[in-house]
PDB file of N, CA and C in Angstrom:
ATOM      1  N   UNK A   1     -19.742-145.695 132.941  1.00  0.00           N
ATOM      2  CA  UNK A   1     -19.205-147.229 133.975  1.00  0.00           C
ATOM      3  C   UNK A   1     -18.745-146.602 135.235  1.00  0.00           C
ATOM      4  N   UNK A   2     -19.490-147.205 136.045  1.00  0.00           N
ATOM      5  CA  UNK A   2     -18.707-146.811 137.584  1.00  0.00           C
ATOM      6  C   UNK A   2     -17.377-147.442 138.354  1.00  0.00           C
ATOM      7  N   UNK A   3     -16.581-146.460 138.893  1.00  0.00           N
ATOM      8  CA  UNK A   3     -15.207-147.019 138.439  1.00  0.00           C
ATOM      9  C   UNK A   3     -15.013-147.065 140.088  1.00  0.00           C
ATOM     10  N   UNK A   4     -15.475-146.420 140.971  1.00  0.00           N
ATOM     11  CA  UNK A   4     -15.099-146.835 142.768  1.00  0.00           C
ATOM     12  C   UNK A   4     -15.817-147.581 142.940  1.00  0.00           C
ATOM     13  N   UNK A   5     -15.197-148.195 144.482  1.00  0.00           N
ATOM     14  CA  UNK A   5     -16.348-149.349 144.718  1.00  0.00           C
ATOM     15  C   UNK A   5     -17.506-149.224 145.754  1.00  0.00           C
ATOM     16  N   UNK A   6     -18.078-147.437 145.866  1.00  0.00           N
ATOM     17  CA  UNK A   6     -19.498-147.112 146.328  1.00  0.00           C
ATOM     18  C   UNK A   6     -20.306-147.460 145.243  1.00  0.00           C
ATOM     19  N   UNK A   7     -19.715-146.624 143.820  1.00  0.00           N
ATOM     20  CA  UNK A   7     -20.175-146.858 142.628  1.00  0.00           C
ATOM     21  C   UNK A   7     -21.043-147.531 141.998  1.00  0.00           C
ATOM     22  N   UNK A   8     -19.968-148.604 142.067  1.00  0.00           N
ATOM     23  CA  UNK A   8     -20.792-150.255 142.056  1.00  0.00           C
ATOM     24  C   UNK A   8     -21.220-150.974 142.857  1.00  0.00           C
ATOM     25  N   UNK A   9     -21.307-150.296 143.961  1.00  0.00           N
ATOM     26  CA  UNK A   9     -22.370-151.302 144.277  1.00  0.00           C
ATOM     27  C   UNK A   9     -23.514-150.151 144.081  1.00  0.00           C
ATOM     28  N   UNK A  10     -23.789-148.820 144.064  1.00  0.00           N
ATOM     29  CA  UNK A  10     -24.803-148.169 143.937  1.00  0.00           C
ATOM     30  C   UNK A  10     -25.803-148.570 142.591  1.00  0.00           C
ATOM     31  N   UNK A  11     -24.632-149.368 141.712  1.00  0.00           N
ATOM     32  CA  UNK A  11     -25.147-149.081 140.830  1.00  0.00           C
ATOM     33  C   UNK A  11     -25.604-150.544 140.633  1.00  0.00           C
ATOM     34  N   UNK A  12     -25.149-151.504 141.465  1.00  0.00           N
ATOM     35  CA  UNK A  12     -25.777-153.216 141.670  1.00  0.00           C
ATOM     36  C   UNK A  12     -27.356-152.703 142.696  1.00  0.00           C
ATOM     37  N   UNK A  13     -27.363-151.598 143.472  1.00  0.00           N
ATOM     38  CA  UNK A  13     -28.465-151.390 143.978  1.00  0.00           C
ATOM     39  C   UNK A  13     -29.654-150.975 142.939  1.00  0.00           C
ATOM     40  N   UNK A  14     -29.401-149.808 142.303  1.00  0.00           N
ATOM     41  CA  UNK A  14     -30.102-149.666 141.238  1.00  0.00           C
ATOM     42  C   UNK A  14     -30.849-150.888 140.805  1.00  0.00           C
ATOM     43  N   UNK A  15     -30.219-151.554 140.419  1.00  0.00           N
ATOM     44  CA  UNK A  15     -30.730-152.750 139.601  1.00  0.00           C
ATOM     45  C   UNK A  15     -31.316-153.672 140.273  1.00  0.00           C
ATOM     46  N   UNK A  16     -31.783-153.852 141.243  1.00  0.00           N
ATOM     47  CA  UNK A  16     -32.122-155.245 142.625  1.00  0.00           C
ATOM     48  C   UNK A  16     -33.470-154.082 142.343  1.00  0.00           C
ATOM     49  N   UNK A  17     -33.552-152.455 142.991  1.00  0.00           N
ATOM     50  CA  UNK A  17     -34.487-152.220 143.517  1.00  0.00           C
ATOM     51  C   UNK A  17     -35.315-151.916 141.941  1.00  0.00           C
ATOM     52  N   UNK A  18     -34.728-151.476 140.566  1.00  0.00           N
ATOM     53  CA  UNK A  18     -35.536-150.882 139.643  1.00  0.00           C
ATOM     54  C   UNK A  18     -36.652-152.735 139.291  1.00  0.00           C
ATOM     55  N   UNK A  19     -35.941-153.881 139.685  1.00  0.00           N
ATOM     56  CA  UNK A  19     -36.511-154.825 139.469  1.00  0.00           C
ATOM     57  C   UNK A  19     -37.688-155.007 139.924  1.00  0.00           C
ATOM     58  N   UNK A  20     -37.477-154.769 142.061  1.00  0.00           N
ATOM     59  CA  UNK A  20     -38.481-154.675 142.203  1.00  0.00           C
ATOM     60  C   UNK A  20     -39.922-154.118 142.372  1.00  0.00           C
ATOM     61  N   UNK A  21     -39.040-152.511 142.097  1.00  0.00           N
ATOM     62  CA  UNK A  21     -40.466-152.172 141.585  1.00  0.00           C
ATOM     63  C   UNK A  21     -41.302-152.003 140.042  1.00  0.00           C
ATOM     64  N   UNK A  22     -40.379-152.921 139.348  1.00  0.00           N
ATOM     65  CA  UNK A  22     -40.912-152.847 137.910  1.00  0.00           C
ATOM     66  C   UNK A  22     -42.724-153.812 138.460  1.00  0.00           C
ATOM     67  N   UNK A  23     -42.022-155.026 139.806  1.00  0.00           N
ATOM     68  CA  UNK A  23     -42.959-155.997 139.704  1.00  0.00           C
ATOM     69  C   UNK A  23     -43.977-154.944 140.247  1.00  0.00           C
ATOM     70  N   UNK A  24     -43.846-154.217 141.137  1.00  0.00           N
ATOM     71  CA  UNK A  24     -44.739-153.384 142.115  1.00  0.00           C
ATOM     72  C   UNK A  24     -45.603-152.611 140.672  1.00  0.00           C
ATOM     73  N   UNK A  25     -45.030-152.132 139.846  1.00  0.00           N
ATOM     74  CA  UNK A  25     -45.744-151.159 139.093  1.00  0.00           C
ATOM     75  C   UNK A  25     -46.871-152.370 138.453  1.00  0.00           C
ATOM     76  N   UNK A  26     -46.040-153.518 138.265  1.00  0.00           N
ATOM     77  CA  UNK A  26     -47.576-154.429 137.339  1.00  0.00           C
ATOM     78  C   UNK A  26     -48.773-154.490 137.735  1.00  0.00           C
ATOM     79  N   UNK A  27     -48.169-154.599 139.241  1.00  0.00           N
ATOM     80  CA  UNK A  27     -49.074-154.904 140.295  1.00  0.00           C
ATOM     81  C   UNK A  27     -50.311-153.848 140.507  1.00  0.00           C
ATOM     82  N   UNK A  28     -50.098-152.562 140.269  1.00  0.00           N
ATOM     83  CA  UNK A  28     -50.803-151.836 140.483  1.00  0.00           C
ATOM     84  C   UNK A  28     -51.313-150.831 139.112  1.00  0.00           C
ATOM     85  N   UNK A  29     -51.372-151.696 138.029  1.00  0.00           N
ATOM     86  CA  UNK A  29     -51.814-151.720 136.695  1.00  0.00           C
ATOM     87  C   UNK A  29     -52.817-152.906 136.478  1.00  0.00           C
ATOM     88  N   UNK A  30     -51.886-153.708 136.584  1.00  0.00           N
ATOM     89  CA  UNK A  30     -53.095-154.888 137.185  1.00  0.00           C
ATOM     90  C   UNK A  30     -54.540-154.714 137.915  1.00  0.00           C
ATOM     91  N   UNK A  31     -54.277-153.762 139.029  1.00  0.00           N
ATOM     92  CA  UNK A  31     -55.123-153.957 139.827  1.00  0.00           C
ATOM     93  C   UNK A  31     -56.277-152.739 138.902  1.00  0.00           C
ATOM     94  N   UNK A  32     -55.976-151.993 138.464  1.00  0.00           N
ATOM     95  CA  UNK A  32     -56.685-151.347 137.869  1.00  0.00           C
ATOM     96  C   UNK A  32     -57.615-151.305 136.465  1.00  0.00           C
ATOM     97  N   UNK A  33     -56.458-152.189 135.984  1.00  0.00           N
ATOM     98  CA  UNK A  33     -56.760-152.711 134.709  1.00  0.00           C
ATOM     99  C   UNK A  33     -58.662-154.157 135.271  1.00  0.00           C
ATOM    100  N   UNK A  34     -58.975-154.406 136.076  1.00  0.00           N
ATOM    101  CA  UNK A  34     -59.865-155.356 137.128  1.00  0.00           C
ATOM    102  C   UNK A  34     -60.713-154.098 137.346  1.00  0.00           C
ATOM    103  N   UNK A  35     -60.688-152.892 137.594  1.00  0.00           N
ATOM    104  CA  UNK A  35     -61.287-152.050 137.804  1.00  0.00           C
ATOM    105  C   UNK A  35     -62.336-151.004 136.403  1.00  0.00           C
ATOM    106  N   UNK A  36     -61.049-151.045 135.445  1.00  0.00           N
ATOM    107  CA  UNK A  36     -61.658-150.380 134.034  1.00  0.00           C
ATOM    108  C   UNK A  36     -62.419-151.615 133.688  1.00  0.00           C
ATOM    109  N   UNK A  37     -62.240-153.010 133.361  1.00  0.00           N
ATOM    110  CA  UNK A  37     -63.150-154.015 132.560  1.00  0.00           C
ATOM    111  C   UNK A  37     -64.471-154.119 133.272  1.00  0.00           C
ATOM    112  N   UNK A  38     -64.110-153.587 134.364  1.00  0.00           N
ATOM    113  CA  UNK A  38     -65.836-154.076 135.195  1.00  0.00           C
ATOM    114  C   UNK A  38     -66.812-153.180 135.495  1.00  0.00           C
ATOM    115  N   UNK A  39     -66.140-151.647 135.246  1.00  0.00           N
ATOM    116  CA  UNK A  39     -66.834-150.553 134.630  1.00  0.00           C
ATOM    117  C   UNK A  39     -67.133-150.360 132.753  1.00  0.00           C
ATOM    118  N   UNK A  40     -66.333-150.945 132.340  1.00  0.00           N
ATOM    119  CA  UNK A  40     -66.970-150.980 130.670  1.00  0.00           C
ATOM    120  C   UNK A  40     -67.800-152.407 130.692  1.00  0.00           C
ATOM    121  N   UNK A  41     -67.578-153.490 131.098  1.00  0.00           N
ATOM    122  CA  UNK A  41     -68.972-154.243 131.415  1.00  0.00           C
ATOM    123  C   UNK A  41     -70.116-153.647 132.023  1.00  0.00           C
ATOM    124  N   UNK A  42     -70.854-152.558 132.628  1.00  0.00           N
ATOM    125  CA  UNK A  42     -71.409-151.934 132.868  1.00  0.00           C
ATOM    126  C   UNK A  42     -72.182-152.629 134.201  1.00  0.00           C
ATOM    127  N   UNK A  43     -71.279-153.607 134.735  1.00  0.00           N
ATOM    128  CA  UNK A  43     -71.226-154.457 135.916  1.00  0.00           C
ATOM    129  C   UNK A  43     -71.044-153.629 137.328  1.00  0.00           C
ATOM    130  N   UNK A  44     -71.780-152.644 137.956  1.00  0.00           N
ATOM    131  CA  UNK A  44     -71.851-151.939 139.062  1.00  0.00           C
ATOM    132  C   UNK A  44     -71.008-152.798 140.465  1.00  0.00           C
ATOM    133  N   UNK A  45     -71.888-153.754 140.975  1.00  0.00           N
ATOM    134  CA  UNK A  45     -71.180-154.273 141.941  1.00  0.00           C
ATOM    135  C   UNK A  45     -69.463-154.591 141.912  1.00  0.00           C
ATOM    136  N   UNK A  46     -69.218-155.616 140.610  1.00  0.00           N
ATOM    137  CA  UNK A  46     -67.924-156.056 140.119  1.00  0.00           C
ATOM    138  C   UNK A  46     -67.344-154.482 140.279  1.00  0.00           C
ATOM    139  N   UNK A  47     -67.156-153.873 139.831  1.00  0.00           N
ATOM    140  CA  UNK A  47     -66.652-152.553 139.667  1.00  0.00           C
ATOM    141  C   UNK A  47     -66.571-151.909 140.873  1.00  0.00           C
ATOM    142  N   UNK A  48     -67.057-152.339 142.068  1.00  0.00           N
ATOM    143  CA  UNK A  48     -67.235-151.776 143.197  1.00  0.00           C
ATOM    144  C   UNK A  48     -66.039-152.316 144.003  1.00  0.00           C
ATOM    145  N   UNK A  49     -66.326-153.901 143.833  1.00  0.00           N
ATOM    146  CA  UNK A  49     -65.724-155.580 144.632  1.00  0.00           C
ATOM    147  C   UNK A  49     -63.814-154.835 144.178  1.00  0.00           C
ATOM    148  N   UNK A  50     -63.881-154.420 142.529  1.00  0.00           N
ATOM    149  CA  UNK A  50     -62.618-154.463 142.041  1.00  0.00           C
ATOM    150  C   UNK A  50     -61.626-153.419 142.277  1.00  0.00           C
ATOM    151  N   UNK A  51     -62.428-152.334 142.862  1.00  0.00           N
ATOM    152  CA  UNK A  51     -62.442-150.930 142.943  1.00  0.00           C
ATOM    153  C   UNK A  51     -62.171-151.002 145.128  1.00  0.00           C
ATOM    154  N   UNK A  52     -62.510-151.632 145.829  1.00  0.00           N
ATOM    155  CA  UNK A  52     -62.178-151.797 147.022  1.00  0.00           C
ATOM    156  C   UNK A  52     -61.010-152.322 147.145  1.00  0.00           C
ATOM    157  N   UNK A  53     -60.876-153.491 146.569  1.00  0.00           N
ATOM    158  CA  UNK A  53     -60.024-153.760 146.402  1.00  0.00           C
ATOM    159  C   UNK A  53     -58.526-153.727 145.608  1.00  0.00           C
ATOM    160  N   UNK A  54     -58.618-152.453 144.999  1.00  0.00           N
ATOM    161  CA  UNK A  54     -57.323-151.321 143.897  1.00  0.00           C
ATOM    162  C   UNK A  54     -57.436-150.736 145.181  1.00  0.00           C
ATOM    163  N   UNK A  55     -57.975-149.935 146.177  1.00  0.00           N
ATOM    164  CA  UNK A  55     -57.447-148.914 147.131  1.00  0.00           C
ATOM    165  C   UNK A  55     -56.400-149.107 147.459  1.00  0.00           C
ATOM    166  N   UNK A  56     -56.684-149.958 148.584  1.00  0.00           N
ATOM    167  CA  UNK A  56     -55.052-149.946 149.469  1.00  0.00           C
ATOM    168  C   UNK A  56     -53.989-150.750 148.311  1.00  0.00           C
ATOM    169  N   UNK A  57     -54.096-151.174 147.273  1.00  0.00           N
ATOM    170  CA  UNK A  57     -52.846-151.510 146.922  1.00  0.00           C
ATOM    171  C   UNK A  57     -52.214-150.082 145.746  1.00  0.00           C
ATOM    172  N   UNK A  58     -53.188-149.297 145.886  1.00  0.00           N
ATOM    173  CA  UNK A  58     -53.026-147.817 145.078  1.00  0.00           C
ATOM    174  C   UNK A  58     -52.251-146.950 146.205  1.00  0.00           C
ATOM    175  N   UNK A  59     -52.784-146.806 147.347  1.00  0.00           N
ATOM    176  CA  UNK A  59     -52.389-146.298 148.304  1.00  0.00           C
ATOM    177  C   UNK A  59     -50.571-146.846 149.169  1.00  0.00           C
ATOM    178  N   UNK A  60     -51.039-147.584 149.128  1.00  0.00           N
ATOM    179  CA  UNK A  60     -49.189-148.790 148.961  1.00  0.00           C
ATOM    180  C   UNK A  60     -48.043-148.541 148.612  1.00  0.00           C
ATOM    181  N   UNK A  61     -48.659-148.170 146.770  1.00  0.00           N
ATOM    182  CA  UNK A  61     -48.141-147.675 145.773  1.00  0.00           C
ATOM    183  C   UNK A  61     -47.537-146.020 146.023  1.00  0.00           C
ATOM    184  N   UNK A  62     -48.590-145.360 146.481  1.00  0.00           N
ATOM    185  CA  UNK A  62     -48.043-144.450 146.854  1.00  0.00           C
ATOM    186  C   UNK A  62     -47.260-144.167 147.834  1.00  0.00           C
ATOM    187  N   UNK A  63     -47.252-145.129 148.687  1.00  0.00           N
ATOM    188  CA  UNK A  63     -46.265-144.899 150.130  1.00  0.00           C
ATOM    189  C   UNK A  63     -45.089-145.055 149.828  1.00  0.00           C
ATOM    190  N   UNK A  64     -45.109-145.990 148.838  1.00  0.00           N
ATOM    191  CA  UNK A  64     -43.798-146.103 149.044  1.00  0.00           C
ATOM    192  C   UNK A  64     -42.894-145.773 147.716  1.00  0.00           C
ATOM    193  N   UNK A  65     -43.366-144.794 147.413  1.00  0.00           N
ATOM    194  CA  UNK A  65     -43.030-143.772 145.854  1.00  0.00           C
ATOM    195  C   UNK A  65     -42.505-144.650 144.588  1.00  0.00           C
ATOM    196  N   UNK A  66     -43.217-145.157 144.332  1.00  0.00           N
ATOM    197  CA  UNK A  66     -43.600-146.403 143.222  1.00  0.00           C
ATOM    198  C   UNK A  66     -44.144-145.478 142.000  1.00  0.00           C
ATOM    199  N   UNK A  67     -45.643-145.013 142.764  1.00  0.00           N
ATOM    200  CA  UNK A  67     -46.567-143.394 142.104  1.00  0.00           C
ATOM    201  C   UNK A  67     -46.103-142.017 143.321  1.00  0.00           C
ATOM    202  N   UNK A  68     -46.797-141.064 142.128  1.00  0.00           N
ATOM    203  CA  UNK A  68     -47.000-139.982 143.278  1.00  0.00           C
ATOM    204  C   UNK A  68     -48.030-139.453 143.935  1.00  0.00           C
ATOM    205  N   UNK A  69     -48.417-139.053 145.037  1.00  0.00           N
ATOM    206  CA  UNK A  69     -48.828-139.374 146.230  1.00  0.00           C
ATOM    207  C   UNK A  69     -50.456-138.877 145.100  1.00  0.00           C
ATOM    208  N   UNK A  70     -49.987-137.589 144.323  1.00  0.00           N
ATOM    209  CA  UNK A  70     -51.789-136.979 143.739  1.00  0.00           C
ATOM    210  C   UNK A  70     -51.651-138.122 142.590  1.00  0.00           C
ATOM    211  N   UNK A  71     -51.109-138.493 141.972  1.00  0.00           N
ATOM    212  CA  UNK A  71     -51.482-140.031 140.761  1.00  0.00           C
ATOM    213  C   UNK A  71     -52.477-141.001 141.651  1.00  0.00           C
ATOM    214  N   UNK A  72     -51.505-141.570 142.059  1.00  0.00           N
ATOM    215  CA  UNK A  72     -52.699-141.737 143.153  1.00  0.00           C
ATOM    216  C   UNK A  72     -54.227-141.548 143.378  1.00  0.00           C
ATOM    217  N   UNK A  73     -53.867-140.258 144.186  1.00  0.00           N
ATOM    218  CA  UNK A  73     -55.854-139.760 144.614  1.00  0.00           C
ATOM    219  C   UNK A  73     -56.058-139.737 143.386  1.00  0.00           C
ATOM    220  N   UNK A  74     -55.296-138.827 141.948  1.00  0.00           N
ATOM    221  CA  UNK A  74     -55.899-138.824 140.700  1.00  0.00           C
ATOM    222  C   UNK A  74     -57.170-140.190 140.484  1.00  0.00           C
ATOM    223  N   UNK A  75     -56.009-141.287 140.309  1.00  0.00           N
ATOM    224  CA  UNK A  75     -57.137-142.522 139.880  1.00  0.00           C
ATOM    225  C   UNK A  75     -58.570-142.811 140.804  1.00  0.00           C
ATOM    226  N   UNK A  76     -58.049-142.699 142.072  1.00  0.00           N
ATOM    227  CA  UNK A  76     -58.767-143.241 143.258  1.00  0.00           C
ATOM    228  C   UNK A  76     -60.368-142.361 142.484  1.00  0.00           C
ATOM    229  N   UNK A  77     -59.630-140.935 142.365  1.00  0.00           N
ATOM    230  CA  UNK A  77     -60.931-140.017 142.119  1.00  0.00           C
ATOM    231  C   UNK A  77     -61.676-140.375 140.439  1.00  0.00           C
ATOM    232  N   UNK A  78     -61.032-140.543 139.806  1.00  0.00           N
ATOM    233  CA  UNK A  78     -61.156-140.517 138.716  1.00  0.00           C
ATOM    234  C   UNK A  78     -62.709-142.392 138.557  1.00  0.00           C
ATOM    235  N   UNK A  79     -61.890-143.109 138.744  1.00  0.00           N
ATOM    236  CA  UNK A  79     -62.339-144.396 138.931  1.00  0.00           C
ATOM    237  C   UNK A  79     -63.904-144.812 139.810  1.00  0.00           C
ATOM    238  N   UNK A  80     -63.868-143.583 141.110  1.00  0.00           N
ATOM    239  CA  UNK A  80     -64.501-143.699 142.160  1.00  0.00           C
ATOM    240  C   UNK A  80     -66.473-142.807 141.056  1.00  0.00           C
ATOM    241  N   UNK A  81     -65.697-141.963 140.739  1.00  0.00           N
ATOM    242  CA  UNK A  81     -66.794-140.981 139.819  1.00  0.00           C
ATOM    243  C   UNK A  81     -67.010-142.063 139.105  1.00  0.00           C
ATOM    244  N   UNK A  82     -66.745-142.802 138.122  1.00  0.00           N
ATOM    245  CA  UNK A  82     -66.638-144.005 136.549  1.00  0.00           C
ATOM    246  C   UNK A  82     -68.316-144.758 137.677  1.00  0.00           C
ATOM    247  N   UNK A  83     -67.570-145.472 138.398  1.00  0.00           N
ATOM    248  CA  UNK A  83     -68.502-145.795 139.180  1.00  0.00           C
ATOM    249  C   UNK A  83     -69.452-145.846 139.880  1.00  0.00           C
ATOM    250  N   UNK A  84     -69.307-144.560 140.707  1.00  0.00           N
ATOM    251  CA  UNK A  84     -71.155-143.677 140.649  1.00  0.00           C
ATOM    252  C   UNK A  84     -72.270-143.829 139.770  1.00  0.00           C
ATOM    253  N   UNK A  85     -71.174-142.931 138.639  1.00  0.00           N
ATOM    254  CA  UNK A  85     -71.926-143.244 137.510  1.00  0.00           C
ATOM    255  C   UNK A  85     -72.680-143.372 137.044  1.00  0.00           C
ATOM    256  N   UNK A  86     -72.094-145.379 136.615  1.00  0.00           N
ATOM    257  CA  UNK A  86     -73.128-146.246 136.574  1.00  0.00           C
ATOM    258  C   UNK A  86     -74.356-146.598 136.775  1.00  0.00           C
ATOM    259  N   UNK A  87     -75.311-147.140 136.047  1.00  0.00           N
ATOM    260  CA  UNK A  87     -76.543-146.962 136.309  1.00  0.00           C
ATOM    261  C   UNK A  87     -76.860-148.843 136.934  1.00  0.00           C
ATOM    262  N   UNK A  88     -77.500-149.126 137.814  1.00  0.00           N
ATOM    263  CA  UNK A  88     -77.941-150.224 138.602  1.00  0.00           C
ATOM    264  C   UNK A  88     -77.529-150.435 139.886  1.00  0.00           C
TER     265      UNK A  88
END
């Protein structure tokens, strides 16, 4: 447990930041799931729309440090490849 006042403050800040980051990470995952669901339905137009909506969210999470920049690039690349592979 924190003993100094500054350590106590840092502990409070860590709790607040964790709660905020959990919400952002949940938003990130939700947008990914929408794209993946559209891909599984073989609906190329719906998948493309969901992907276009997910790109800014993915980039924003990488910019904030919620996820690593390489992870963001990997997700975008793989989802885009799956969408291009869809017929229709």
